[in-house]
């Protein structure tokens, strides 16, 4: 009897990363390392400067709006999945 979790794409093929998958993982790790280095460097450059009260207001608004948009998109994703409308 055939395994119900297999389909015509994965049947007979080992599941795992191929050459391009490892290339993508390596590229993403390098990009993450560069981003962390840049954040540490930028943090040291602006250590003496403060943020005004207007800056804090807009920073908080930006975070709240970003979380709301992300939550709304995740809600739409779950809704479309439950309704069977995803591709």
PDB file of N, CA and C in Angstrom:
ATOM      1  N   UNK A   1       0.845  -1.188   0.000  1.00  0.00           N
ATOM      2  CA  UNK A   1       0.000   0.000   0.000  1.00  0.00           C
ATOM      3  C   UNK A   1       0.880   1.237   0.000  1.00  0.00           C
ATOM      4  N   UNK A   2       0.467   2.232  -0.745  1.00  0.00           N
ATOM      5  CA  UNK A   2       1.244   3.453  -0.891  1.00  0.00           C
ATOM      6  C   UNK A   2       1.036   4.376   0.306  1.00  0.00           C
ATOM      7  N   UNK A   3       2.112   5.055   0.693  1.00  0.00           N
ATOM      8  CA  UNK A   3       2.053   6.011   1.790  1.00  0.00           C
ATOM      9  C   UNK A   3       1.204   7.206   1.361  1.00  0.00           C
ATOM     10  N   UNK A   4       0.184   7.579   2.135  1.00  0.00           N
ATOM     11  CA  UNK A   4      -0.680   8.692   1.727  1.00  0.00           C
ATOM     12  C   UNK A   4       0.036  10.042   1.757  1.00  0.00           C
ATOM     13  N   UNK A   5       1.188  10.145   2.450  1.00  0.00           N
ATOM     14  CA  UNK A   5       1.916  11.411   2.501  1.00  0.00           C
ATOM     15  C   UNK A   5       2.787  11.626   1.274  1.00  0.00           C
ATOM     16  N   UNK A   6       2.952  10.603   0.445  1.00  0.00           N
ATOM     17  CA  UNK A   6       3.759  10.744  -0.752  1.00  0.00           C
ATOM     18  C   UNK A   6       2.882  11.211  -1.916  1.00  0.00           C
ATOM     19  N   UNK A   7       3.458  11.977  -2.776  1.00  0.00           N
ATOM     20  CA  UNK A   7       2.778  12.350  -4.006  1.00  0.00           C
ATOM     21  C   UNK A   7       3.718  12.067  -5.167  1.00  0.00           C
ATOM     22  N   UNK A   8       3.295  12.385  -6.369  1.00  0.00           N
ATOM     23  CA  UNK A   8       4.113  12.039  -7.524  1.00  0.00           C
ATOM     24  C   UNK A   8       5.430  12.817  -7.581  1.00  0.00           C
ATOM     25  N   UNK A   9       5.540  13.918  -6.853  1.00  0.00           N
ATOM     26  CA  UNK A   9       6.777  14.688  -6.863  1.00  0.00           C
ATOM     27  C   UNK A   9       7.802  14.075  -5.914  1.00  0.00           C
ATOM     28  N   UNK A  10       7.368  13.659  -4.719  1.00  0.00           N
ATOM     29  CA  UNK A  10       8.321  13.180  -3.721  1.00  0.00           C
ATOM     30  C   UNK A  10       8.511  11.673  -3.740  1.00  0.00           C
ATOM     31  N   UNK A  11       7.740  10.939  -4.478  1.00  0.00           N
ATOM     32  CA  UNK A  11       7.843   9.491  -4.469  1.00  0.00           C
ATOM     33  C   UNK A  11       9.204   9.052  -5.001  1.00  0.00           C
ATOM     34  N   UNK A  12       9.918   8.283  -4.211  1.00  0.00           N
ATOM     35  CA  UNK A  12      11.190   7.753  -4.634  1.00  0.00           C
ATOM     36  C   UNK A  12      12.354   8.719  -4.522  1.00  0.00           C
ATOM     37  N   UNK A  13      12.126   9.918  -4.043  1.00  0.00           N
ATOM     38  CA  UNK A  13      13.198  10.903  -3.901  1.00  0.00           C
ATOM     39  C   UNK A  13      13.437  11.151  -2.426  1.00  0.00           C
ATOM     40  N   UNK A  14      14.684  11.226  -2.011  1.00  0.00           N
ATOM     41  CA  UNK A  14      14.945  11.549  -0.604  1.00  0.00           C
ATOM     42  C   UNK A  14      14.560  13.002  -0.322  1.00  0.00           C
ATOM     43  N   UNK A  15      13.954  13.204   0.826  1.00  0.00           N
ATOM     44  CA  UNK A  15      13.569  14.556   1.205  1.00  0.00           C
ATOM     45  C   UNK A  15      14.759  15.220   1.875  1.00  0.00           C
ATOM     46  N   UNK A  16      15.141  16.365   1.425  1.00  0.00           N
ATOM     47  CA  UNK A  16      16.268  17.091   1.989  1.00  0.00           C
ATOM     48  C   UNK A  16      16.663  18.215   1.061  1.00  0.00           C
ATOM     49  N   UNK A  17      17.721  18.912   1.449  1.00  0.00           N
ATOM     50  CA  UNK A  17      18.188  20.026   0.647  1.00  0.00           C
ATOM     51  C   UNK A  17      19.138  19.541  -0.431  1.00  0.00           C
ATOM     52  N   UNK A  18      18.969  20.080  -1.604  1.00  0.00           N
ATOM     53  CA  UNK A  18      19.900  19.805  -2.688  1.00  0.00           C
ATOM     54  C   UNK A  18      20.979  20.878  -2.711  1.00  0.00           C
ATOM     55  N   UNK A  19      21.700  20.934  -3.799  1.00  0.00           N
ATOM     56  CA  UNK A  19      22.774  21.912  -3.931  1.00  0.00           C
ATOM     57  C   UNK A  19      22.287  23.342  -3.860  1.00  0.00           C
ATOM     58  N   UNK A  20      21.205  23.651  -4.580  1.00  0.00           N
ATOM     59  CA  UNK A  20      20.666  25.018  -4.567  1.00  0.00           C
ATOM     60  C   UNK A  20      20.055  25.371  -3.217  1.00  0.00           C
ATOM     61  N   UNK A  21      19.511  24.381  -2.520  1.00  0.00           N
ATOM     62  CA  UNK A  21      18.967  24.638  -1.190  1.00  0.00           C
ATOM     63  C   UNK A  21      20.050  25.048  -0.211  1.00  0.00           C
ATOM     64  N   UNK A  22      21.191  24.324  -0.260  1.00  0.00           N
ATOM     65  CA  UNK A  22      22.313  24.682   0.616  1.00  0.00           C
ATOM     66  C   UNK A  22      22.906  26.029   0.223  1.00  0.00           C
ATOM     67  N   UNK A  23      22.910  26.330  -1.076  1.00  0.00           N
ATOM     68  CA  UNK A  23      23.384  27.638  -1.527  1.00  0.00           C
ATOM     69  C   UNK A  23      22.492  28.739  -0.950  1.00  0.00           C
ATOM     70  N   UNK A  24      21.179  28.537  -0.989  1.00  0.00           N
ATOM     71  CA  UNK A  24      20.247  29.538  -0.466  1.00  0.00           C
ATOM     72  C   UNK A  24      20.420  29.711   1.038  1.00  0.00           C
ATOM     73  N   UNK A  25      20.580  28.608   1.765  1.00  0.00           N
ATOM     74  CA  UNK A  25      20.778  28.691   3.218  1.00  0.00           C
ATOM     75  C   UNK A  25      22.070  29.442   3.531  1.00  0.00           C
ATOM     76  N   UNK A  26      23.131  29.130   2.804  1.00  0.00           N
ATOM     77  CA  UNK A  26      24.406  29.805   3.023  1.00  0.00           C
ATOM     78  C   UNK A  26      24.297  31.296   2.722  1.00  0.00           C
ATOM     79  N   UNK A  27      23.635  31.643   1.616  1.00  0.00           N
ATOM     80  CA  UNK A  27      23.466  33.055   1.262  1.00  0.00           C
ATOM     81  C   UNK A  27      22.661  33.791   2.334  1.00  0.00           C
ATOM     82  N   UNK A  28      21.624  33.162   2.863  1.00  0.00           N
ATOM     83  CA  UNK A  28      20.814  33.806   3.894  1.00  0.00           C
ATOM     84  C   UNK A  28      21.584  33.975   5.194  1.00  0.00           C
ATOM     85  N   UNK A  29      22.412  33.005   5.547  1.00  0.00           N
ATOM     86  CA  UNK A  29      23.232  33.127   6.758  1.00  0.00           C
ATOM     87  C   UNK A  29      24.244  34.251   6.598  1.00  0.00           C
ATOM     88  N   UNK A  30      24.849  34.366   5.418  1.00  0.00           N
ATOM     89  CA  UNK A  30      25.798  35.462   5.167  1.00  0.00           C
ATOM     90  C   UNK A  30      25.079  36.808   5.251  1.00  0.00           C
ATOM     91  N   UNK A  31      23.898  36.909   4.650  1.00  0.00           N
ATOM     92  CA  UNK A  31      23.136  38.167   4.729  1.00  0.00           C
ATOM     93  C   UNK A  31      22.762  38.506   6.169  1.00  0.00           C
ATOM     94  N   UNK A  32      22.408  37.509   6.967  1.00  0.00           N
ATOM     95  CA  UNK A  32      22.090  37.736   8.374  1.00  0.00           C
ATOM     96  C   UNK A  32      23.316  38.231   9.122  1.00  0.00           C
ATOM     97  N   UNK A  33      24.480  37.637   8.858  1.00  0.00           N
ATOM     98  CA  UNK A  33      25.710  38.070   9.520  1.00  0.00           C
ATOM     99  C   UNK A  33      26.048  39.513   9.156  1.00  0.00           C
ATOM    100  N   UNK A  34      25.886  39.874   7.886  1.00  0.00           N
ATOM    101  CA  UNK A  34      26.154  41.246   7.458  1.00  0.00           C
ATOM    102  C   UNK A  34      25.173  42.210   8.122  1.00  0.00           C
ATOM    103  N   UNK A  35      23.913  41.830   8.215  1.00  0.00           N
ATOM    104  CA  UNK A  35      22.907  42.697   8.845  1.00  0.00           C
ATOM    105  C   UNK A  35      23.211  42.890  10.331  1.00  0.00           C
ATOM    106  N   UNK A  36      23.625  41.836  11.016  1.00  0.00           N
ATOM    107  CA  UNK A  36      23.971  41.955  12.438  1.00  0.00           C
ATOM    108  C   UNK A  36      25.192  42.850  12.605  1.00  0.00           C
ATOM    109  N   UNK A  37      26.206  42.644  11.751  1.00  0.00           N
ATOM    110  CA  UNK A  37      27.402  43.497  11.820  1.00  0.00           C
ATOM    111  C   UNK A  37      27.028  44.961  11.601  1.00  0.00           C
ATOM    112  N   UNK A  38      26.182  45.227  10.618  1.00  0.00           N
ATOM    113  CA  UNK A  38      25.780  46.601  10.326  1.00  0.00           C
ATOM    114  C   UNK A  38      25.014  47.210  11.506  1.00  0.00           C
ATOM    115  N   UNK A  39      24.147  46.431  12.125  1.00  0.00           N
ATOM    116  CA  UNK A  39      23.390  46.942  13.278  1.00  0.00           C
ATOM    117  C   UNK A  39      24.317  47.301  14.429  1.00  0.00           C
ATOM    118  N   UNK A  40      25.300  46.449  14.691  1.00  0.00           N
ATOM    119  CA  UNK A  40      26.248  46.732  15.773  1.00  0.00           C
ATOM    120  C   UNK A  40      27.061  47.980  15.438  1.00  0.00           C
ATOM    121  N   UNK A  41      27.496  48.086  14.198  1.00  0.00           N
ATOM    122  CA  UNK A  41      28.276  49.247  13.768  1.00  0.00           C
ATOM    123  C   UNK A  41      27.434  50.527  13.872  1.00  0.00           C
ATOM    124  N   UNK A  42      26.204  50.492  13.378  1.00  0.00           N
ATOM    125  CA  UNK A  42      25.333  51.671  13.411  1.00  0.00           C
ATOM    126  C   UNK A  42      24.984  52.053  14.841  1.00  0.00           C
ATOM    127  N   UNK A  43      24.791  51.073  15.707  1.00  0.00           N
ATOM    128  CA  UNK A  43      24.461  51.351  17.106  1.00  0.00           C
ATOM    129  C   UNK A  43      25.598  52.120  17.770  1.00  0.00           C
ATOM    130  N   UNK A  44      26.836  51.734  17.454  1.00  0.00           N
ATOM    131  CA  UNK A  44      27.980  52.436  18.019  1.00  0.00           C
ATOM    132  C   UNK A  44      28.118  53.846  17.494  1.00  0.00           C
ATOM    133  N   UNK A  45      27.708  54.092  16.267  1.00  0.00           N
ATOM    134  CA  UNK A  45      27.816  55.420  15.677  1.00  0.00           C
ATOM    135  C   UNK A  45      26.826  56.418  16.269  1.00  0.00           C
ATOM    136  N   UNK A  46      25.644  55.951  16.647  1.00  0.00           N
ATOM    137  CA  UNK A  46      24.607  56.857  17.148  1.00  0.00           C
ATOM    138  C   UNK A  46      24.404  56.737  18.654  1.00  0.00           C
ATOM    139  N   UNK A  47      25.384  56.208  19.352  1.00  0.00           N
ATOM    140  CA  UNK A  47      25.233  55.952  20.785  1.00  0.00           C
ATOM    141  C   UNK A  47      25.003  57.240  21.579  1.00  0.00           C
ATOM    142  N   UNK A  48      25.589  58.359  21.150  1.00  0.00           N
ATOM    143  CA  UNK A  48      25.456  59.591  21.914  1.00  0.00           C
ATOM    144  C   UNK A  48      24.201  60.382  21.609  1.00  0.00           C
ATOM    145  N   UNK A  49      23.492  60.048  20.560  1.00  0.00           N
ATOM    146  CA  UNK A  49      22.303  60.801  20.160  1.00  0.00           C
ATOM    147  C   UNK A  49      21.055  60.199  20.782  1.00  0.00           C
ATOM    148  N   UNK A  50      20.118  61.053  21.133  1.00  0.00           N
ATOM    149  CA  UNK A  50      18.860  60.588  21.695  1.00  0.00           C
ATOM    150  C   UNK A  50      17.738  60.697  20.681  1.00  0.00           C
ATOM    151  N   UNK A  51      16.595  60.123  21.031  1.00  0.00           N
ATOM    152  CA  UNK A  51      15.413  60.199  20.177  1.00  0.00           C
ATOM    153  C   UNK A  51      14.440  61.172  20.829  1.00  0.00           C
ATOM    154  N   UNK A  52      13.918  62.103  20.045  1.00  0.00           N
ATOM    155  CA  UNK A  52      12.965  63.071  20.587  1.00  0.00           C
ATOM    156  C   UNK A  52      11.639  62.381  20.883  1.00  0.00           C
ATOM    157  N   UNK A  53      10.765  63.096  21.562  1.00  0.00           N
ATOM    158  CA  UNK A  53       9.454  62.513  21.893  1.00  0.00           C
ATOM    159  C   UNK A  53       8.640  62.251  20.627  1.00  0.00           C
ATOM    160  N   UNK A  54       8.776  63.103  19.622  1.00  0.00           N
ATOM    161  CA  UNK A  54       8.093  62.869  18.347  1.00  0.00           C
ATOM    162  C   UNK A  54       8.634  61.609  17.680  1.00  0.00           C
ATOM    163  N   UNK A  55       9.940  61.413  17.768  1.00  0.00           N
ATOM    164  CA  UNK A  55      10.552  60.204  17.216  1.00  0.00           C
ATOM    165  C   UNK A  55      10.026  58.957  17.894  1.00  0.00           C
ATOM    166  N   UNK A  56       9.878  59.000  19.233  1.00  0.00           N
ATOM    167  CA  UNK A  56       9.347  57.834  19.952  1.00  0.00           C
ATOM    168  C   UNK A  56       7.902  57.547  19.555  1.00  0.00           C
ATOM    169  N   UNK A  57       7.106  58.613  19.368  1.00  0.00           N
ATOM    170  CA  UNK A  57       5.710  58.436  18.958  1.00  0.00           C
ATOM    171  C   UNK A  57       5.643  57.722  17.612  1.00  0.00           C
ATOM    172  N   UNK A  58       6.421  58.194  16.651  1.00  0.00           N
ATOM    173  CA  UNK A  58       6.397  57.574  15.322  1.00  0.00           C
ATOM    174  C   UNK A  58       7.007  56.174  15.334  1.00  0.00           C
ATOM    175  N   UNK A  59       7.995  55.943  16.182  1.00  0.00           N
ATOM    176  CA  UNK A  59       8.569  54.608  16.311  1.00  0.00           C
ATOM    177  C   UNK A  59       7.529  53.625  16.845  1.00  0.00           C
ATOM    178  N   UNK A  60       6.802  54.022  17.877  1.00  0.00           N
ATOM    179  CA  UNK A  60       5.763  53.158  18.446  1.00  0.00           C
ATOM    180  C   UNK A  60       4.641  52.946  17.433  1.00  0.00           C
ATOM    181  N   UNK A  61       4.227  54.010  16.731  1.00  0.00           N
ATOM    182  CA  UNK A  61       3.189  53.862  15.713  1.00  0.00           C
ATOM    183  C   UNK A  61       3.630  52.912  14.597  1.00  0.00           C
ATOM    184  N   UNK A  62       4.870  53.013  14.190  1.00  0.00           N
ATOM    185  CA  UNK A  62       5.383  52.124  13.153  1.00  0.00           C
ATOM    186  C   UNK A  62       5.369  50.672  13.581  1.00  0.00           C
ATOM    187  N   UNK A  63       5.771  50.411  14.820  1.00  0.00           N
ATOM    188  CA  UNK A  63       5.764  49.033  15.327  1.00  0.00           C
ATOM    189  C   UNK A  63       4.338  48.507  15.421  1.00  0.00           C
ATOM    190  N   UNK A  64       3.439  49.309  15.973  1.00  0.00           N
ATOM    191  CA  UNK A  64       2.048  48.867  16.129  1.00  0.00           C
ATOM    192  C   UNK A  64       1.405  48.606  14.771  1.00  0.00           C
ATOM    193  N   UNK A  65       1.596  49.493  13.817  1.00  0.00           N
ATOM    194  CA  UNK A  65       1.006  49.297  12.493  1.00  0.00           C
ATOM    195  C   UNK A  65       1.606  48.080  11.786  1.00  0.00           C
ATOM    196  N   UNK A  66       2.894  47.859  11.971  1.00  0.00           N
ATOM    197  CA  UNK A  66       3.524  46.688  11.361  1.00  0.00           C
ATOM    198  C   UNK A  66       2.962  45.398  11.937  1.00  0.00           C
ATOM    199  N   UNK A  67       2.781  45.363  13.250  1.00  0.00           N
ATOM    200  CA  UNK A  67       2.207  44.168  13.883  1.00  0.00           C
ATOM    201  C   UNK A  67       0.761  43.969  13.436  1.00  0.00           C
ATOM    202  N   UNK A  68      -0.005  45.047  13.316  1.00  0.00           N
ATOM    203  CA  UNK A  68      -1.394  44.925  12.864  1.00  0.00           C
ATOM    204  C   UNK A  68      -1.477  44.414  11.426  1.00  0.00           C
ATOM    205  N   UNK A  69      -0.631  44.934  10.549  1.00  0.00           N
ATOM    206  CA  UNK A  69      -0.642  44.471   9.158  1.00  0.00           C
ATOM    207  C   UNK A  69      -0.233  43.004   9.091  1.00  0.00           C
ATOM    208  N   UNK A  70       0.822  42.630   9.828  1.00  0.00           N
ATOM    209  CA  UNK A  70       1.245  41.231   9.848  1.00  0.00           C
ATOM    210  C   UNK A  70       0.164  40.317  10.390  1.00  0.00           C
ATOM    211  N   UNK A  71      -0.498  40.731  11.467  1.00  0.00           N
ATOM    212  CA  UNK A  71      -1.590  39.937  12.025  1.00  0.00           C
ATOM    213  C   UNK A  71      -2.762  39.820  11.066  1.00  0.00           C
ATOM    214  N   UNK A  72      -3.077  40.910  10.383  1.00  0.00           N
ATOM    215  CA  UNK A  72      -4.161  40.871   9.403  1.00  0.00           C
ATOM    216  C   UNK A  72      -3.848  39.946   8.239  1.00  0.00           C
ATOM    217  N   UNK A  73      -2.615  39.988   7.759  1.00  0.00           N
ATOM    218  CA  UNK A  73      -2.232  39.091   6.664  1.00  0.00           C
ATOM    219  C   UNK A  73      -2.248  37.629   7.103  1.00  0.00           C
ATOM    220  N   UNK A  74      -1.799  37.357   8.318  1.00  0.00           N
ATOM    221  CA  UNK A  74      -1.854  35.980   8.818  1.00  0.00           C
ATOM    222  C   UNK A  74      -3.307  35.530   8.982  1.00  0.00           C
ATOM    223  N   UNK A  75      -4.173  36.436   9.434  1.00  0.00           N
ATOM    224  CA  UNK A  75      -5.592  36.108   9.537  1.00  0.00           C
ATOM    225  C   UNK A  75      -6.195  35.770   8.187  1.00  0.00           C
ATOM    226  N   UNK A  76      -5.855  36.556   7.159  1.00  0.00           N
ATOM    227  CA  UNK A  76      -6.332  36.256   5.809  1.00  0.00           C
ATOM    228  C   UNK A  76      -5.788  34.924   5.305  1.00  0.00           C
ATOM    229  N   UNK A  77      -4.547  34.623   5.648  1.00  0.00           N
ATOM    230  CA  UNK A  77      -3.950  33.354   5.248  1.00  0.00           C
ATOM    231  C   UNK A  77      -4.712  32.179   5.858  1.00  0.00           C
ATOM    232  N   UNK A  78      -4.983  32.249   7.155  1.00  0.00           N
ATOM    233  CA  UNK A  78      -5.725  31.168   7.801  1.00  0.00           C
ATOM    234  C   UNK A  78      -7.156  31.079   7.287  1.00  0.00           C
ATOM    235  N   UNK A  79      -7.789  32.231   7.046  1.00  0.00           N
ATOM    236  CA  UNK A  79      -9.154  32.238   6.525  1.00  0.00           C
ATOM    237  C   UNK A  79      -9.226  31.577   5.149  1.00  0.00           C
ATOM    238  N   UNK A  80      -8.284  31.958   4.268  1.00  0.00           N
ATOM    239  CA  UNK A  80      -8.321  31.375   2.926  1.00  0.00           C
ATOM    240  C   UNK A  80      -7.992  29.895   2.962  1.00  0.00           C
ATOM    241  N   UNK A  81      -7.150  29.478   3.895  1.00  0.00           N
ATOM    242  CA  UNK A  81      -6.823  28.059   4.013  1.00  0.00           C
ATOM    243  C   UNK A  81      -8.040  27.267   4.493  1.00  0.00           C
ATOM    244  N   UNK A  82      -8.757  27.812   5.448  1.00  0.00           N
ATOM    245  CA  UNK A  82      -9.951  27.117   5.973  1.00  0.00           C
ATOM    246  C   UNK A  82     -11.076  27.065   4.950  1.00  0.00           C
ATOM    247  N   UNK A  83     -11.173  28.094   4.130  1.00  0.00           N
ATOM    248  CA  UNK A  83     -12.221  28.151   3.120  1.00  0.00           C
ATOM    249  C   UNK A  83     -11.857  27.388   1.839  1.00  0.00           C
ATOM    250  N   UNK A  84     -10.615  26.920   1.766  1.00  0.00           N
ATOM    251  CA  UNK A  84     -10.178  26.181   0.592  1.00  0.00           C
ATOM    252  C   UNK A  84      -9.937  27.053  -0.625  1.00  0.00           C
ATOM    253  N   UNK A  85      -9.577  28.307  -0.394  1.00  0.00           N
ATOM    254  CA  UNK A  85      -9.400  29.237  -1.507  1.00  0.00           C
ATOM    255  C   UNK A  85      -7.937  29.498  -1.830  1.00  0.00           C
ATOM    256  N   UNK A  86      -7.022  28.761  -1.192  1.00  0.00           N
ATOM    257  CA  UNK A  86      -5.617  28.952  -1.532  1.00  0.00           C
ATOM    258  C   UNK A  86      -5.241  28.006  -2.678  1.00  0.00           C
ATOM    259  N   UNK A  87      -4.179  28.317  -3.334  1.00  0.00           N
ATOM    260  CA  UNK A  87      -3.821  27.600  -4.548  1.00  0.00           C
ATOM    261  C   UNK A  87      -3.095  26.332  -4.239  1.00  0.00           C
TER     262      UNK A  87
END
